[in-house]
Amino acid sequence: MENRPMSPKREARVMISEDVLREAETIGVDLSEAVEDTLLAVLREKRAAQWRAENRESIDSYNAHIERNGCFGGEFRTF
């Protein structure tokens, strides 16, 4: 996945369905790695959503500018 944080590991208690846990163990899923990878993905998406919300006004303003004036340098594009 992405680079893992280098901070020390800390024990965390999670509740997981017995069936899901049994199957994960059977096929050799590293539970700690899977949880950390999934949590990193959730954090990345939440941060992105927060950034979009915080910058919504600027994004909308920029998009309106592009609609009115076109993209900077657009007349030179060959694609």
N, C-alpha and C. Protein backbone atom coordinates (compact mmCIF):
# COMPACT_ATOMS: atom_id res chain seq x y z
N MET A 1 0.86 -1.19 0.00
CA MET A 1 0.00 0.00 0.00
C MET A 1 0.90 1.23 0.00
N GLU A 2 0.67 2.17 0.84
CA GLU A 2 1.50 3.36 0.93
C GLU A 2 2.51 3.18 2.06
N ASN A 3 3.43 4.12 2.17
CA ASN A 3 4.40 4.04 3.25
C ASN A 3 3.68 4.03 4.59
N ARG A 4 4.09 3.10 5.40
CA ARG A 4 3.48 2.99 6.72
C ARG A 4 4.12 4.01 7.67
N PRO A 5 3.33 4.52 8.61
CA PRO A 5 3.89 5.42 9.61
C PRO A 5 5.00 4.71 10.39
N MET A 6 6.02 5.43 10.78
CA MET A 6 7.14 4.84 11.48
C MET A 6 6.98 4.93 13.00
N SER A 7 5.86 5.41 13.47
CA SER A 7 5.65 5.50 14.91
C SER A 7 5.51 4.09 15.49
N PRO A 8 5.72 3.97 16.79
CA PRO A 8 5.62 2.65 17.42
C PRO A 8 4.21 2.09 17.27
N LYS A 9 4.12 0.77 17.26
CA LYS A 9 2.82 0.10 17.19
C LYS A 9 2.17 0.15 18.57
N ARG A 10 0.85 0.18 18.55
CA ARG A 10 0.10 0.21 19.80
C ARG A 10 -1.04 -0.79 19.69
N GLU A 11 -1.28 -1.51 20.72
CA GLU A 11 -2.35 -2.49 20.71
C GLU A 11 -3.70 -1.77 20.66
N ALA A 12 -4.61 -2.33 19.88
CA ALA A 12 -5.96 -1.77 19.78
C ALA A 12 -6.95 -2.93 19.82
N ARG A 13 -8.02 -2.73 20.48
CA ARG A 13 -9.04 -3.78 20.57
C ARG A 13 -10.09 -3.52 19.50
N VAL A 14 -10.35 -4.55 18.69
CA VAL A 14 -11.39 -4.46 17.67
C VAL A 14 -12.26 -5.70 17.76
N MET A 15 -13.48 -5.55 17.38
CA MET A 15 -14.41 -6.68 17.37
C MET A 15 -14.64 -7.06 15.90
N ILE A 16 -14.44 -8.34 15.61
CA ILE A 16 -14.58 -8.85 14.24
C ILE A 16 -15.41 -10.13 14.29
N SER A 17 -16.28 -10.27 13.32
CA SER A 17 -17.10 -11.47 13.22
C SER A 17 -16.22 -12.72 13.24
N GLU A 18 -16.63 -13.72 14.01
CA GLU A 18 -15.86 -14.96 14.10
C GLU A 18 -15.64 -15.60 12.73
N ASP A 19 -16.67 -15.60 11.90
CA ASP A 19 -16.55 -16.22 10.57
C ASP A 19 -15.51 -15.50 9.72
N VAL A 20 -15.54 -14.19 9.76
CA VAL A 20 -14.59 -13.40 8.98
C VAL A 20 -13.17 -13.63 9.49
N LEU A 21 -13.00 -13.61 10.79
CA LEU A 21 -11.69 -13.81 11.39
C LEU A 21 -11.15 -15.21 11.08
N ARG A 22 -12.01 -16.21 11.18
CA ARG A 22 -11.59 -17.59 10.90
C ARG A 22 -11.13 -17.72 9.44
N GLU A 23 -11.89 -17.15 8.52
CA GLU A 23 -11.52 -17.25 7.11
C GLU A 23 -10.21 -16.51 6.85
N ALA A 24 -10.05 -15.33 7.44
CA ALA A 24 -8.81 -14.57 7.28
C ALA A 24 -7.62 -15.38 7.78
N GLU A 25 -7.76 -15.99 8.93
CA GLU A 25 -6.67 -16.81 9.47
C GLU A 25 -6.39 -18.00 8.58
N THR A 26 -7.44 -18.63 8.06
CA THR A 26 -7.30 -19.81 7.20
C THR A 26 -6.50 -19.51 5.95
N ILE A 27 -6.74 -18.34 5.36
CA ILE A 27 -6.04 -18.03 4.11
C ILE A 27 -4.79 -17.19 4.32
N GLY A 28 -4.43 -16.96 5.57
CA GLY A 28 -3.16 -16.31 5.87
C GLY A 28 -3.14 -14.80 5.79
N VAL A 29 -4.26 -14.16 6.03
CA VAL A 29 -4.31 -12.70 6.04
C VAL A 29 -3.64 -12.20 7.31
N ASP A 30 -2.73 -11.27 7.16
CA ASP A 30 -2.11 -10.61 8.32
C ASP A 30 -3.10 -9.56 8.81
N LEU A 31 -3.76 -9.86 9.91
CA LEU A 31 -4.84 -9.01 10.40
C LEU A 31 -4.37 -7.60 10.70
N SER A 32 -3.24 -7.47 11.37
CA SER A 32 -2.73 -6.13 11.70
C SER A 32 -2.47 -5.32 10.44
N GLU A 33 -1.84 -5.96 9.46
CA GLU A 33 -1.54 -5.26 8.20
C GLU A 33 -2.82 -4.88 7.46
N ALA A 34 -3.78 -5.79 7.42
CA ALA A 34 -5.03 -5.52 6.72
C ALA A 34 -5.80 -4.37 7.37
N VAL A 35 -5.86 -4.39 8.69
CA VAL A 35 -6.56 -3.31 9.41
C VAL A 35 -5.85 -1.98 9.18
N GLU A 36 -4.53 -1.98 9.29
CA GLU A 36 -3.78 -0.74 9.12
C GLU A 36 -3.93 -0.21 7.69
N ASP A 37 -3.82 -1.08 6.69
CA ASP A 37 -3.99 -0.65 5.29
C ASP A 37 -5.37 -0.05 5.06
N THR A 38 -6.38 -0.73 5.59
CA THR A 38 -7.76 -0.24 5.43
C THR A 38 -7.96 1.09 6.15
N LEU A 39 -7.43 1.20 7.35
CA LEU A 39 -7.57 2.45 8.11
C LEU A 39 -6.84 3.59 7.41
N LEU A 40 -5.67 3.32 6.85
CA LEU A 40 -4.95 4.36 6.09
C LEU A 40 -5.77 4.81 4.89
N ALA A 41 -6.41 3.88 4.20
CA ALA A 41 -7.24 4.23 3.04
C ALA A 41 -8.44 5.08 3.47
N VAL A 42 -9.08 4.71 4.57
CA VAL A 42 -10.21 5.48 5.09
C VAL A 42 -9.75 6.88 5.48
N LEU A 43 -8.62 6.97 6.17
CA LEU A 43 -8.09 8.28 6.57
C LEU A 43 -7.78 9.15 5.36
N ARG A 44 -7.17 8.55 4.33
CA ARG A 44 -6.83 9.29 3.11
C ARG A 44 -8.10 9.86 2.47
N GLU A 45 -9.16 9.04 2.38
CA GLU A 45 -10.41 9.50 1.78
C GLU A 45 -11.08 10.58 2.63
N LYS A 46 -11.07 10.40 3.94
CA LYS A 46 -11.67 11.41 4.83
C LYS A 46 -10.92 12.74 4.74
N ARG A 47 -9.57 12.67 4.70
CA ARG A 47 -8.79 13.91 4.55
C ARG A 47 -9.10 14.60 3.23
N ALA A 48 -9.22 13.81 2.16
CA ALA A 48 -9.53 14.38 0.84
C ALA A 48 -10.91 15.03 0.85
N ALA A 49 -11.89 14.36 1.45
CA ALA A 49 -13.24 14.93 1.53
C ALA A 49 -13.24 16.21 2.35
N GLN A 50 -12.49 16.21 3.44
CA GLN A 50 -12.40 17.42 4.28
C GLN A 50 -11.75 18.56 3.50
N TRP A 51 -10.68 18.25 2.75
CA TRP A 51 -10.00 19.27 1.96
C TRP A 51 -10.95 19.85 0.91
N ARG A 52 -11.70 18.95 0.23
CA ARG A 52 -12.67 19.43 -0.78
C ARG A 52 -13.71 20.33 -0.15
N ALA A 53 -14.22 19.95 1.04
CA ALA A 53 -15.23 20.77 1.72
C ALA A 53 -14.65 22.12 2.12
N GLU A 54 -13.43 22.11 2.65
CA GLU A 54 -12.80 23.36 3.08
C GLU A 54 -12.48 24.28 1.91
N ASN A 55 -12.27 23.71 0.75
CA ASN A 55 -11.87 24.49 -0.42
C ASN A 55 -12.96 24.59 -1.49
N ARG A 56 -14.18 24.21 -1.12
CA ARG A 56 -15.30 24.19 -2.08
C ARG A 56 -15.48 25.56 -2.76
N GLU A 57 -15.44 26.63 -2.00
CA GLU A 57 -15.65 27.96 -2.57
C GLU A 57 -14.60 28.28 -3.63
N SER A 58 -13.35 28.00 -3.34
CA SER A 58 -12.27 28.27 -4.30
C SER A 58 -12.38 27.38 -5.53
N ILE A 59 -12.71 26.12 -5.31
CA ILE A 59 -12.87 25.19 -6.43
C ILE A 59 -14.01 25.65 -7.34
N ASP A 60 -15.14 26.01 -6.75
CA ASP A 60 -16.28 26.49 -7.54
C ASP A 60 -15.93 27.76 -8.29
N SER A 61 -15.20 28.67 -7.64
CA SER A 61 -14.80 29.91 -8.28
C SER A 61 -13.88 29.64 -9.47
N TYR A 62 -12.92 28.77 -9.27
CA TYR A 62 -11.99 28.41 -10.35
C TYR A 62 -12.74 27.76 -11.52
N ASN A 63 -13.64 26.83 -11.21
CA ASN A 63 -14.41 26.17 -12.27
C ASN A 63 -15.26 27.17 -13.04
N ALA A 64 -15.86 28.13 -12.35
CA ALA A 64 -16.65 29.16 -13.03
C ALA A 64 -15.75 30.01 -13.93
N HIS A 65 -14.56 30.34 -13.45
CA HIS A 65 -13.60 31.10 -14.25
C HIS A 65 -13.25 30.35 -15.53
N ILE A 66 -13.00 29.06 -15.41
CA ILE A 66 -12.66 28.24 -16.58
C ILE A 66 -13.84 28.18 -17.55
N GLU A 67 -15.04 28.05 -17.03
CA GLU A 67 -16.23 28.03 -17.90
C GLU A 67 -16.36 29.34 -18.67
N ARG A 68 -16.10 30.47 -18.00
CA ARG A 68 -16.22 31.77 -18.66
C ARG A 68 -15.07 32.04 -19.63
N ASN A 69 -13.85 31.72 -19.22
CA ASN A 69 -12.67 32.15 -19.96
C ASN A 69 -11.89 31.04 -20.65
N GLY A 70 -12.25 29.82 -20.40
CA GLY A 70 -11.49 28.70 -20.94
C GLY A 70 -10.25 28.44 -20.11
N CYS A 71 -9.58 27.37 -20.47
CA CYS A 71 -8.38 26.95 -19.74
C CYS A 71 -7.18 27.77 -20.21
N PHE A 72 -6.34 28.19 -19.27
CA PHE A 72 -5.15 28.95 -19.61
C PHE A 72 -4.30 28.15 -20.59
N GLY A 73 -3.94 28.76 -21.69
CA GLY A 73 -3.12 28.10 -22.70
C GLY A 73 -3.89 27.15 -23.59
N GLY A 74 -5.20 27.11 -23.43
CA GLY A 74 -6.01 26.18 -24.21
C GLY A 74 -5.86 26.37 -25.71
N GLU A 75 -5.60 27.57 -26.14
CA GLU A 75 -5.47 27.81 -27.59
C GLU A 75 -4.21 27.18 -28.17
N PHE A 76 -3.29 26.80 -27.32
CA PHE A 76 -2.04 26.20 -27.80
C PHE A 76 -2.04 24.67 -27.73
N ARG A 77 -3.08 24.10 -27.16
CA ARG A 77 -3.15 22.64 -27.03
C ARG A 77 -3.33 22.00 -28.39
N THR A 78 -2.69 20.85 -28.58
CA THR A 78 -2.83 20.13 -29.83
C THR A 78 -3.60 18.83 -29.64
N PHE A 79 -4.18 18.64 -28.46
CA PHE A 79 -4.95 17.42 -28.21
C PHE A 79 -6.38 17.75 -27.89
